Amino acid sequence: MGILEGKRALVIGVANDKSLAWAMAQELRAQGSEVALTYQGEVLERRVRPLAAQIGATVVGELDVSADEQIAALFGKLKDLWGGLDIMVHAVAYAEREDLRDRFLNVNRSNFAKALDISAYSLVALARAAEPLMQARGGGSILTMSYLGSVRAIPNYNVMGVAKAALEACVRYLALDLGGSNIRVNALSAAPARTLASAAIRDFHAMAHDVEQRSPLRRAMLPEEVGRMAAALLSNLASGVTGQTVYVDMGYNVVG
């Protein structure tokens, strides 16, 4: 039996088979959890449905995390499907491509607000919707994805770093609010990964190469390492851990 046997997990943010959200979904399923996936738009739906079939996951529908009515509809479907929810993975972030290539100084007000809304506020909105379903199961665990740019100024990460800083603050305040409902909230800060989202960052390959060269473990992160840590944090093995940002970055965050 896996460490998540009998659990029910919603994973938001799978875009293709390179997504860290996909690595997490695979591990959650391998550890015994039922898994539900969402998609955004027809293009991603065509990618997500075959992946869901690979692991026997349920595709519960389309979700734009900036649309409150879609959030409400999604959790209504989950209530009908399962009655409750044990786990939620939030692996969603967005910034305009030009804001990951130009100077941070030049981000406009609209783009700044959009990045913060999708990358940080969406966790708050989703956690609010998840709370009653998790209470119905006696508690639960929420995990979101962050990056070192939340606490350090990483060249070209720009407004996304600001959004991740806000996201990590949301984790702490949500942990405080939801702890009384026996719901834990944590963030996993991964090393640079070659995903659909990272392709927009200028000089991304230099960022990834620096981790391989300077991290204590002197190698790249493997997606399955993110999956395994996610499963551990979301399981009862981490029952006393909440409000934390846990690094899976080969130790790179400790290097001066």
Protein backbone atom coordinates (compact mmCIF):
# COMPACT_ATOMS: atom_id res chain seq x y z
CA MET A 1 0.00 0.00 0.00
CA GLY A 2 1.18 3.51 -0.81
CA ILE A 3 1.37 6.41 1.61
CA LEU A 4 -1.69 8.03 -0.01
CA GLU A 5 -3.91 4.96 -0.19
CA GLY A 6 -7.58 5.95 -0.11
CA LYS A 7 -6.89 9.67 -0.65
CA ARG A 8 -8.54 11.85 -3.28
CA ALA A 9 -6.35 14.44 -4.98
CA LEU A 10 -7.02 17.35 -7.32
CA VAL A 11 -3.99 18.38 -9.40
CA ILE A 12 -4.26 21.75 -11.15
CA GLY A 13 -1.66 22.79 -13.68
CA VAL A 14 -0.80 19.80 -15.87
CA ALA A 15 0.02 21.17 -19.33
CA ASN A 16 1.97 18.29 -20.90
CA ASP A 17 4.25 15.41 -19.96
CA LYS A 18 7.07 17.83 -19.06
CA SER A 19 5.03 19.60 -16.38
CA LEU A 20 6.14 19.22 -12.79
CA ALA A 21 2.42 18.93 -12.04
CA TRP A 22 2.43 15.79 -14.18
CA ALA A 23 5.35 14.34 -12.21
CA MET A 24 3.37 14.99 -9.03
CA ALA A 25 0.17 13.50 -10.42
CA GLN A 26 2.03 10.33 -11.40
CA GLU A 27 3.54 9.93 -7.95
CA LEU A 28 0.27 10.64 -6.14
CA ARG A 29 -1.37 7.92 -8.21
CA ALA A 30 1.53 5.53 -7.63
CA GLN A 31 1.14 6.08 -3.89
CA GLY A 32 -2.50 5.02 -3.99
CA SER A 33 -4.44 8.27 -4.37
CA GLU A 34 -7.32 8.79 -6.75
CA VAL A 35 -6.41 11.74 -8.99
CA ALA A 36 -8.49 14.36 -10.76
CA LEU A 37 -7.01 16.71 -13.37
CA THR A 38 -8.17 19.95 -14.95
CA TYR A 39 -7.20 21.65 -18.19
CA GLN A 40 -7.37 25.16 -19.62
CA GLY A 41 -8.60 25.44 -23.19
CA GLU A 42 -8.98 22.96 -26.02
CA VAL A 43 -5.26 22.80 -26.86
CA LEU A 44 -4.31 21.69 -23.35
CA GLU A 45 -7.32 19.40 -23.13
CA ARG A 46 -5.92 17.38 -26.05
CA ARG A 47 -2.69 16.96 -24.09
CA VAL A 48 -4.19 16.32 -20.66
CA ARG A 49 -6.75 13.65 -21.52
CA PRO A 50 -4.22 11.08 -22.84
CA LEU A 51 -2.04 11.69 -19.77
CA ALA A 52 -5.01 11.17 -17.49
CA ALA A 53 -5.73 7.88 -19.23
CA GLN A 54 -2.17 6.71 -18.55
CA ILE A 55 -2.66 6.85 -14.79
CA GLY A 56 -6.39 6.23 -14.57
CA ALA A 57 -7.11 9.81 -13.51
CA THR A 58 -10.42 11.60 -13.92
CA VAL A 59 -10.56 14.77 -16.01
CA VAL A 60 -13.06 16.92 -14.14
CA GLY A 61 -13.21 19.76 -16.64
CA GLU A 62 -11.87 23.09 -17.76
CA LEU A 63 -10.50 25.54 -15.23
CA ASP A 64 -9.38 29.12 -15.68
CA VAL A 65 -8.18 30.02 -12.18
CA SER A 66 -8.97 33.69 -12.77
CA ALA A 67 -12.67 32.90 -13.27
CA ASP A 68 -14.58 32.46 -9.99
CA GLU A 69 -17.53 30.83 -11.74
CA GLN A 70 -15.27 28.11 -13.15
CA ILE A 71 -13.77 27.49 -9.71
CA ALA A 72 -17.26 27.13 -8.24
CA ALA A 73 -18.32 24.76 -11.03
CA LEU A 74 -15.20 22.62 -10.62
CA PHE A 75 -15.65 22.11 -6.90
CA GLY A 76 -19.34 21.40 -7.45
CA LYS A 77 -18.30 18.56 -9.79
CA LEU A 78 -15.79 17.27 -7.22
CA LYS A 79 -18.46 17.27 -4.53
CA ASP A 80 -20.73 15.22 -6.78
CA LEU A 81 -17.86 12.91 -7.78
CA TRP A 82 -16.22 12.26 -4.43
CA GLY A 83 -18.18 14.04 -1.72
CA GLY A 84 -14.92 15.38 -0.30
CA LEU A 85 -11.27 16.09 -1.06
CA ASP A 86 -8.02 15.21 0.73
CA ILE A 87 -5.34 16.82 -1.44
CA MET A 88 -5.00 19.80 -3.75
CA VAL A 89 -1.93 20.62 -5.84
CA HIS A 90 -1.73 24.17 -7.20
CA ALA A 91 0.85 24.35 -9.99
CA VAL A 92 -0.34 27.44 -11.82
CA ALA A 93 1.58 30.62 -12.65
CA TYR A 94 1.58 33.22 -15.40
CA ALA A 95 3.45 36.29 -16.58
CA GLU A 96 3.51 37.92 -19.98
CA ARG A 97 6.46 36.78 -22.07
CA GLU A 98 7.85 40.29 -22.48
CA ASP A 99 7.97 40.70 -18.70
CA LEU A 100 10.36 37.74 -18.48
CA ARG A 101 12.70 39.25 -21.06
CA ASP A 102 12.69 43.00 -20.39
CA ARG A 103 13.74 44.86 -17.23
CA PHE A 104 11.46 44.36 -14.22
CA LEU A 105 11.26 48.15 -14.03
CA ASN A 106 9.22 48.17 -17.24
CA VAL A 107 6.36 45.89 -16.19
CA ASN A 108 3.08 47.75 -16.60
CA ARG A 109 0.29 47.93 -14.04
CA SER A 110 -2.02 45.59 -15.93
CA ASN A 111 0.59 42.87 -16.44
CA PHE A 112 1.69 43.13 -12.80
CA ALA A 113 -1.87 42.67 -11.58
CA LYS A 114 -2.47 39.73 -13.92
CA ALA A 115 0.68 37.93 -12.79
CA LEU A 116 -0.26 38.34 -9.12
CA ASP A 117 -3.86 37.30 -9.72
CA ILE A 118 -3.10 34.08 -11.59
CA SER A 119 0.09 33.10 -9.76
CA ALA A 120 -0.81 33.98 -6.17
CA TYR A 121 -4.44 34.97 -5.60
CA SER A 122 -5.64 31.84 -7.39
CA LEU A 123 -4.29 29.76 -4.50
CA VAL A 124 -6.47 31.74 -2.08
CA ALA A 125 -9.57 31.34 -4.25
CA LEU A 126 -9.00 27.62 -4.72
CA ALA A 127 -8.23 27.01 -1.04
CA ARG A 128 -11.46 28.76 -0.08
CA ALA A 129 -13.41 26.49 -2.41
CA ALA A 130 -11.54 23.39 -1.22
CA GLU A 131 -12.02 23.99 2.51
CA PRO A 132 -15.56 22.55 2.88
CA LEU A 133 -14.68 19.48 0.79
CA MET A 134 -11.59 18.86 2.92
CA GLN A 135 -13.56 19.41 6.12
CA ALA A 136 -15.93 16.68 4.92
CA ARG A 137 -12.95 14.30 4.94
CA GLY A 138 -11.66 15.41 8.34
CA GLY A 139 -8.92 17.65 6.95
CA GLY A 140 -6.54 17.78 4.04
CA SER A 141 -3.34 19.10 2.53
CA ILE A 142 -2.62 21.77 -0.07
CA LEU A 143 0.64 22.18 -1.95
CA THR A 144 1.71 24.94 -4.33
CA MET A 145 4.81 25.43 -6.47
CA SER A 146 7.36 28.20 -5.91
CA TYR A 147 10.91 29.07 -6.96
CA LEU A 148 14.01 30.69 -5.46
CA GLY A 149 13.18 33.93 -7.29
CA SER A 150 10.69 34.58 -4.49
CA VAL A 151 13.50 35.43 -2.07
CA ARG A 152 16.37 36.37 -4.39
CA ALA A 153 16.57 38.64 -7.41
CA ILE A 154 17.06 36.18 -10.26
CA PRO A 155 17.89 37.78 -13.65
CA ASN A 156 14.90 37.71 -16.03
CA TYR A 157 12.53 36.13 -13.49
CA ASN A 158 11.24 39.62 -12.76
CA VAL A 159 7.52 39.95 -11.97
CA MET A 160 7.23 36.20 -11.53
CA GLY A 161 9.62 36.44 -8.59
CA VAL A 162 7.37 39.07 -7.03
CA ALA A 163 4.35 36.85 -7.65
CA LYS A 164 6.09 33.86 -6.05
CA ALA A 165 6.97 35.99 -3.02
CA ALA A 166 3.28 36.84 -2.69
CA LEU A 167 2.42 33.17 -3.17
CA GLU A 168 4.68 32.10 -0.30
CA ALA A 169 3.12 34.76 1.93
CA CYS A 170 -0.31 33.39 0.99
CA VAL A 171 0.88 29.93 2.04
CA ARG A 172 1.72 31.21 5.52
CA TYR A 173 -1.58 33.06 6.01
CA LEU A 174 -3.64 30.20 4.59
CA ALA A 175 -1.84 27.79 6.91
CA LEU A 176 -2.91 29.99 9.82
CA ASP A 177 -6.51 30.25 8.65
CA LEU A 178 -6.98 26.59 7.71
CA GLY A 179 -5.07 24.92 10.50
CA GLY A 180 -8.20 24.85 12.67
CA SER A 181 -9.85 22.73 9.98
CA ASN A 182 -6.90 20.31 10.04
CA ILE A 183 -5.81 21.51 6.59
CA ARG A 184 -2.10 21.96 5.96
CA VAL A 185 -0.70 24.36 3.35
CA ASN A 186 2.87 24.25 2.05
CA ALA A 187 4.97 25.29 -0.94
CA LEU A 188 7.54 23.27 -2.81
CA SER A 189 10.35 25.34 -4.33
CA ALA A 190 11.89 23.41 -7.21
CA ALA A 191 15.04 23.95 -9.23
CA PRO A 192 14.66 25.30 -12.79
CA ALA A 193 12.86 22.70 -14.89
CA ARG A 194 12.51 22.59 -18.65
CA THR A 195 8.76 23.02 -18.94
CA LEU A 196 6.30 24.87 -21.17
CA ALA A 197 6.29 27.79 -18.73
CA SER A 198 10.06 28.10 -18.38
CA ALA A 199 10.47 28.39 -22.14
CA ALA A 200 9.32 32.02 -21.86
CA ILE A 201 12.21 33.02 -19.56
CA ARG A 202 15.15 34.61 -21.34
CA ASP A 203 18.43 32.75 -20.76
CA PHE A 204 16.60 29.96 -18.94
CA HIS A 205 19.27 27.45 -19.93
CA ALA A 206 21.88 29.57 -18.13
CA MET A 207 19.75 29.44 -14.97
CA ALA A 208 19.48 25.67 -15.16
CA HIS A 209 23.18 25.24 -15.97
CA ASP A 210 24.15 27.34 -12.94
CA VAL A 211 22.25 24.97 -10.66
CA GLU A 212 24.03 21.99 -12.15
CA GLN A 213 27.42 23.64 -11.71
CA ARG A 214 27.06 25.35 -8.33
CA SER A 215 24.54 23.36 -6.29
CA PRO A 216 25.96 21.09 -3.58
CA LEU A 217 24.78 18.00 -5.45
CA ARG A 218 26.26 19.24 -8.75
CA ARG A 219 23.48 17.95 -10.96
CA ALA A 220 20.12 18.81 -12.43
CA MET A 221 16.88 18.12 -10.58
CA LEU A 222 14.83 15.14 -11.75
CA PRO A 223 11.07 15.66 -12.12
CA GLU A 224 10.39 12.49 -10.14
CA GLU A 225 12.23 14.04 -7.17
CA VAL A 226 9.59 16.77 -7.12
CA GLY A 227 6.90 14.12 -7.34
CA ARG A 228 8.28 12.15 -4.40
CA MET A 229 8.66 15.20 -2.16
CA ALA A 230 5.16 16.34 -3.07
CA ALA A 231 3.74 12.96 -2.11
CA ALA A 232 5.57 13.06 1.22
CA LEU A 233 4.42 16.60 2.05
CA LEU A 234 0.84 15.77 1.11
CA SER A 235 0.79 12.56 3.14
CA ASN A 236 0.51 11.94 6.87
CA LEU A 237 4.30 11.57 6.96
CA ALA A 238 4.31 15.39 7.08
CA SER A 239 1.37 15.72 9.47
CA GLY A 240 3.18 18.35 11.55
CA VAL A 241 4.39 20.48 8.63
CA THR A 242 2.42 23.53 7.49
CA GLY A 243 3.14 27.07 6.32
CA GLN A 244 6.54 26.03 4.98
CA THR A 245 8.47 26.39 1.75
CA VAL A 246 10.45 23.20 1.14
CA TYR A 247 13.27 23.25 -1.42
CA VAL A 248 13.94 20.51 -3.95
CA ASP A 249 16.80 22.22 -5.79
CA MET A 250 19.90 20.09 -5.18
CA GLY A 251 20.74 22.44 -2.29
CA TYR A 252 21.20 25.43 -4.60
CA ASN A 253 19.31 27.78 -2.24
CA VAL A 254 22.04 27.47 0.41
CA VAL A 255 24.83 28.60 -1.92
CA GLY A 256 25.94 32.17 -1.34
